Amino acid sequence: MLCEMLKKDLKLTKILLQQMGPETGGRISSDFLLTLNFRLLGLRFAVLRRFRPGSARSALAEMSATLEYFSNCLSRRLALASQPARF
């Protein structure tokens, strides 16, 4: 199921972000809120998938956008980490 795959992908992405090191304080709260929103969207999908498939697809699209945000954060941090140090 796509919803479960998105949940696994987010979990893996968050683990990789954590292994990259800590972020600034403001980012932690926004990441928390985005993760909470992702979980609520997963709940919304589970409730609506049989009765309102269009709304359920909308929830999946929003979950995908949240995963895209975290993936972009990971790619930016990886790009910064791979740059040579400047003195």
C-alpha atoms as a PDB file:
ATOM      1  CA  MET A   1       0.000   0.000   0.000  1.00  0.00           C
ATOM      2  CA  LEU A   2       1.299   3.436  -0.944  1.00  0.00           C
ATOM      3  CA  CYS A   3       0.552   4.956   2.453  1.00  0.00           C
ATOM      4  CA  GLU A   4       2.714   2.371   4.225  1.00  0.00           C
ATOM      5  CA  MET A   5       5.520   2.880   1.722  1.00  0.00           C
ATOM      6  CA  LEU A   6       5.440   6.633   2.350  1.00  0.00           C
ATOM      7  CA  LYS A   7       5.599   6.028   6.098  1.00  0.00           C
ATOM      8  CA  LYS A   8       8.636   3.760   5.702  1.00  0.00           C
ATOM      9  CA  ASP A   9      10.346   6.250   3.403  1.00  0.00           C
ATOM     10  CA  LEU A  10       9.796   9.080   5.875  1.00  0.00           C
ATOM     11  CA  LYS A  11      11.157   6.975   8.711  1.00  0.00           C
ATOM     12  CA  LEU A  12      14.296   6.145   6.728  1.00  0.00           C
ATOM     13  CA  THR A  13      14.782   9.756   5.650  1.00  0.00           C
ATOM     14  CA  LYS A  14      14.422  10.992   9.233  1.00  0.00           C
ATOM     15  CA  ILE A  15      16.989   8.410  10.421  1.00  0.00           C
ATOM     16  CA  LEU A  16      19.444   9.594   7.778  1.00  0.00           C
ATOM     17  CA  LEU A  17      18.862  13.226   8.775  1.00  0.00           C
ATOM     18  CA  GLN A  18      19.511  12.378  12.416  1.00  0.00           C
ATOM     19  CA  GLN A  19      22.764  10.631  11.502  1.00  0.00           C
ATOM     20  CA  MET A  20      23.930  13.740   9.658  1.00  0.00           C
ATOM     21  CA  GLY A  21      23.983  15.638  12.945  1.00  0.00           C
ATOM     22  CA  PRO A  22      21.824  18.138  14.776  1.00  0.00           C
ATOM     23  CA  GLU A  23      20.061  21.036  13.097  1.00  0.00           C
ATOM     24  CA  THR A  24      19.368  24.487  14.443  1.00  0.00           C
ATOM     25  CA  GLY A  25      16.686  24.915  17.122  1.00  0.00           C
ATOM     26  CA  GLY A  26      14.056  26.509  14.890  1.00  0.00           C
ATOM     27  CA  ARG A  27      14.210  23.638  12.449  1.00  0.00           C
ATOM     28  CA  ILE A  28      13.556  21.049  15.114  1.00  0.00           C
ATOM     29  CA  SER A  29      10.130  22.475  15.958  1.00  0.00           C
ATOM     30  CA  SER A  30       9.114  22.823  12.303  1.00  0.00           C
ATOM     31  CA  ASP A  31      10.308  19.276  11.588  1.00  0.00           C
ATOM     32  CA  PHE A  32       8.257  18.059  14.539  1.00  0.00           C
ATOM     33  CA  LEU A  33       5.137  19.821  13.249  1.00  0.00           C
ATOM     34  CA  LEU A  34       5.642  18.471   9.734  1.00  0.00           C
ATOM     35  CA  THR A  35       6.075  14.951  11.100  1.00  0.00           C
ATOM     36  CA  LEU A  36       2.916  15.344  13.185  1.00  0.00           C
ATOM     37  CA  ASN A  37       1.061  16.591  10.115  1.00  0.00           C
ATOM     38  CA  PHE A  38       2.320  13.584   8.151  1.00  0.00           C
ATOM     39  CA  ARG A  39       0.963  11.212  10.790  1.00  0.00           C
ATOM     40  CA  LEU A  40      -2.401  12.984  10.880  1.00  0.00           C
ATOM     41  CA  LEU A  41      -2.605  12.766   7.095  1.00  0.00           C
ATOM     42  CA  GLY A  42      -1.952   9.022   7.355  1.00  0.00           C
ATOM     43  CA  LEU A  43      -4.850   8.760   9.769  1.00  0.00           C
ATOM     44  CA  ARG A  44      -7.011  10.842   7.441  1.00  0.00           C
ATOM     45  CA  PHE A  45      -6.149   8.522   4.573  1.00  0.00           C
ATOM     46  CA  ALA A  46      -7.037   5.429   6.609  1.00  0.00           C
ATOM     47  CA  VAL A  47     -10.427   6.871   7.556  1.00  0.00           C
ATOM     48  CA  LEU A  48     -11.383   8.232   4.136  1.00  0.00           C
ATOM     49  CA  ARG A  49      -9.993   5.670   1.696  1.00  0.00           C
ATOM     50  CA  ARG A  50     -13.227   3.666   1.415  1.00  0.00           C
ATOM     51  CA  PHE A  51     -15.778   6.447   1.677  1.00  0.00           C
ATOM     52  CA  ARG A  52     -14.114   9.376  -0.092  1.00  0.00           C
ATOM     53  CA  PRO A  53     -11.328   8.144  -2.367  1.00  0.00           C
ATOM     54  CA  GLY A  54     -10.652  11.632  -3.757  1.00  0.00           C
ATOM     55  CA  SER A  55      -9.978  13.021  -0.294  1.00  0.00           C
ATOM     56  CA  ALA A  56      -7.841   9.993   0.519  1.00  0.00           C
ATOM     57  CA  ARG A  57      -5.732  10.624  -2.594  1.00  0.00           C
ATOM     58  CA  SER A  58      -5.365  14.237  -1.518  1.00  0.00           C
ATOM     59  CA  ALA A  59      -4.010  13.073   1.851  1.00  0.00           C
ATOM     60  CA  LEU A  60      -1.483  10.842   0.063  1.00  0.00           C
ATOM     61  CA  ALA A  61      -0.403  13.753  -2.125  1.00  0.00           C
ATOM     62  CA  GLU A  62       0.196  15.913   0.959  1.00  0.00           C
ATOM     63  CA  MET A  63       2.120  13.074   2.617  1.00  0.00           C
ATOM     64  CA  SER A  64       4.244  12.813  -0.506  1.00  0.00           C
ATOM     65  CA  ALA A  65       4.939  16.566  -0.427  1.00  0.00           C
ATOM     66  CA  THR A  66       6.078  16.314   3.204  1.00  0.00           C
ATOM     67  CA  LEU A  67       8.388  13.436   2.316  1.00  0.00           C
ATOM     68  CA  GLU A  68       9.719  15.507  -0.576  1.00  0.00           C
ATOM     69  CA  TYR A  69      10.533  18.344   1.844  1.00  0.00           C
ATOM     70  CA  PHE A  70      12.520  16.061   4.166  1.00  0.00           C
ATOM     71  CA  SER A  71      14.296  14.469   1.193  1.00  0.00           C
ATOM     72  CA  ASN A  72      15.317  17.915  -0.044  1.00  0.00           C
ATOM     73  CA  CYS A  73      16.635  18.767   3.424  1.00  0.00           C
ATOM     74  CA  LEU A  74      18.695  15.575   3.367  1.00  0.00           C
ATOM     75  CA  SER A  75      20.109  16.283  -0.081  1.00  0.00           C
ATOM     76  CA  ARG A  76      21.081  19.850   0.921  1.00  0.00           C
ATOM     77  CA  ARG A  77      22.828  18.618   4.044  1.00  0.00           C
ATOM     78  CA  LEU A  78      24.652  15.924   2.083  1.00  0.00           C
ATOM     79  CA  ALA A  79      25.760  18.494  -0.487  1.00  0.00           C
ATOM     80  CA  LEU A  80      27.088  20.773   2.248  1.00  0.00           C
ATOM     81  CA  ALA A  81      28.893  17.905   3.942  1.00  0.00           C
ATOM     82  CA  SER A  82      30.619  16.882   0.711  1.00  0.00           C
ATOM     83  CA  GLN A  83      32.048  20.355   0.034  1.00  0.00           C
ATOM     84  CA  PRO A  84      35.697  20.823   0.959  1.00  0.00           C
ATOM     85  CA  ALA A  85      36.394  22.909   4.028  1.00  0.00           C
ATOM     86  CA  ARG A  86      37.407  26.513   3.365  1.00  0.00           C
ATOM     87  CA  PHE A  87      40.008  28.218   5.482  1.00  0.00           C
END
